[in-house]
Protein backbone atom coordinates (compact mmCIF):
# COMPACT_ATOMS: atom_id res chain seq x y z
CA MET A 1 105.05 97.25 112.32
CA SER A 2 108.44 97.76 114.07
CA CYS A 3 110.98 95.12 114.94
CA ILE A 4 109.88 94.95 118.41
CA ALA A 5 106.33 94.80 117.40
CA ARG A 6 106.74 92.09 115.07
CA VAL A 7 108.67 89.83 117.57
CA GLU A 8 105.80 90.46 120.01
CA HIS A 9 103.43 89.53 117.38
CA LEU A 10 105.18 86.37 116.36
CA ARG A 11 105.33 85.06 119.91
CA GLN A 12 101.59 85.73 120.08
CA CYS A 13 101.19 83.83 116.77
CA GLY A 14 103.24 80.91 118.47
CA ALA A 15 106.31 81.17 116.30
CA GLU A 16 109.03 78.70 118.01
CA ASP A 17 111.73 80.43 116.07
CA LEU A 18 111.50 84.20 115.99
CA LYS A 19 113.63 83.89 112.46
CA ASP A 20 110.30 82.26 111.28
CA GLU A 21 109.13 85.83 110.04
CA PHE A 22 105.67 84.46 108.27
CA TYR A 23 104.61 81.76 110.84
CA CYS A 24 101.13 83.08 111.21
CA SER A 25 98.93 82.53 108.10
CA LYS A 26 97.82 86.10 107.70
CA HIS A 27 101.34 87.29 106.97
CA HIS A 28 102.33 84.22 105.24
CA VAL A 29 99.39 84.99 102.56
CA LYS A 30 100.44 88.54 102.54
CA ASN A 31 104.08 87.53 101.80
CA LEU A 32 103.26 85.28 99.10
CA TYR A 33 100.87 87.79 97.54
CA LEU A 34 103.62 90.55 97.51
CA ILE A 35 106.42 88.38 96.10
CA ARG A 36 104.07 86.98 93.32
CA THR A 37 102.66 90.34 92.29
CA TYR A 38 105.62 92.97 93.05
CA GLY A 39 108.59 90.96 93.64
CA ILE A 40 109.24 92.16 97.07
CA ASN A 41 108.47 90.30 100.32
CA LEU A 42 106.56 91.61 103.43
CA LEU A 43 109.86 92.33 105.28
CA SER A 44 111.04 94.73 102.33
CA ALA A 45 107.42 96.41 102.52
CA GLU A 46 107.80 97.10 106.05
CA GLN A 47 111.24 98.60 105.57
CA LEU A 48 109.80 100.72 102.91
CA LEU A 49 106.92 101.81 105.21
CA ASP A 50 109.63 102.58 107.91
CA ARG A 51 111.66 104.73 105.50
CA GLN A 52 108.38 106.53 104.67
CA GLY A 53 107.63 107.08 108.42
CA TRP A 54 104.39 104.88 108.00
CA GLN A 55 102.78 107.77 106.13
CA CYS A 56 101.34 108.01 102.55
CA PRO A 57 104.01 110.15 100.61
CA ILE A 58 100.68 111.63 98.50
CA THR A 59 97.95 112.39 101.12
CA GLY A 60 100.11 112.28 104.20
CA ASP A 61 97.77 110.03 105.99
CA VAL A 62 98.95 107.46 108.62
CA LEU A 63 99.48 103.93 107.24
CA THR A 64 98.32 101.37 109.53
CA GLU A 65 99.13 97.43 109.02
CA GLY A 66 96.88 96.15 106.47
CA HIS A 67 95.49 99.45 105.18
CA TRP A 68 98.12 100.27 102.58
CA VAL A 69 98.80 99.03 99.00
CA VAL A 70 102.10 99.04 96.97
CA ASP A 71 102.31 101.45 94.23
CA HIS A 72 104.13 100.50 91.06
CA SER A 73 104.79 101.71 87.43
CA HIS A 74 103.07 99.52 84.94
CA ARG A 75 105.37 101.15 82.34
CA LYS A 76 108.74 100.49 84.00
CA LYS A 77 107.77 97.65 86.31
CA LYS A 78 109.20 98.78 89.42
CA VAL A 79 107.69 99.57 92.85
CA ARG A 80 107.60 103.15 93.80
CA GLY A 81 106.50 103.23 97.28
CA ILE A 82 103.54 102.27 99.60
CA THR A 83 100.21 104.41 99.55
CA THR A 84 96.89 104.61 100.84
CA ARG A 85 94.30 102.89 98.48
CA TYR A 86 92.59 106.19 97.59
CA ALA A 87 96.09 107.70 96.54
CA ASN A 88 97.07 104.76 94.49
CA HIS A 89 93.48 103.94 92.73
CA ARG A 90 92.17 107.79 92.48
CA LEU A 91 95.15 109.85 92.06
CA ILE A 92 98.17 108.06 90.98
CA GLY A 93 96.47 105.44 89.06
CA ARG A 94 94.47 107.76 86.70
CA HIS A 95 97.70 110.28 86.20
CA GLU A 96 101.07 108.67 85.88
CA ASP A 97 102.50 111.26 83.73
CA TRP A 98 104.18 113.59 85.93
CA VAL A 99 104.18 116.46 83.43
CA LEU A 100 100.45 116.44 83.27
CA VAL A 101 100.39 116.19 87.13
CA GLN A 102 102.52 119.41 87.40
CA HIS A 103 100.42 121.30 84.88
CA ILE A 104 97.52 120.44 87.08
CA ALA A 105 99.16 121.59 90.38
CA ASP A 106 100.17 125.08 88.29
CA TYR A 107 96.90 125.56 87.22
CA LEU A 108 95.52 125.00 90.61
CA ARG A 109 97.99 127.29 92.27
CA ASP A 110 97.31 130.11 89.94
CA PRO A 111 93.97 129.78 87.94
CA PRO A 112 94.14 132.15 84.74
CA ALA A 113 90.81 133.41 85.27
CA TYR A 114 91.62 134.96 88.67
CA HIS A 115 93.69 137.42 86.65
CA LEU A 116 91.06 138.27 84.29
CA MET A 117 88.04 138.44 86.62
CA PRO A 118 89.52 138.79 90.29
CA ASP A 119 86.31 139.43 91.66
CA GLN A 120 83.81 137.00 89.95
CA LYS A 121 81.92 134.58 92.02
CA VAL A 122 80.06 131.87 91.00
CA PRO A 123 76.35 132.23 91.59
CA VAL A 124 74.79 130.08 94.31
CA LYS A 125 71.96 128.15 93.27
CA LYS A 126 69.06 127.52 95.83
CA ARG A 127 68.15 123.95 96.09
CA LYS A 128 64.81 122.85 95.95
CA LYS A 129 63.22 121.13 98.93
CA ARG A 130 62.79 117.34 98.70
CA SER A 131 59.13 116.60 98.87
CA LYS A 132 58.20 114.03 101.68
CA LYS A 133 56.59 110.90 100.57
């Protein structure tokens, strides 16, 4: 949420003092969660989102308010960025070793079998029709 949008949101929530960043309970709860879990507050997370252009650095998807997660290293105990839930749990969460990820990228970019058998095609199996009940 941009600074202008945040000010407008605070007005809609009824904040009397615009310095009261987390007047509404939704943002207050999110702020407490971020501080307790990752050591950053909501304002820091939004600054990071602004720096990332509100895009997931892994998938390139647009990150909207409430549809993002904080990615962090369990080994180093440091925040790395903000991503989509899918990128964090399915991609990064399973493969934290960057050397392994680089090997996967190299393999997909230039599979060894393409050099040995460049014209080889995988046979397409015909599916059986489902029986109607």
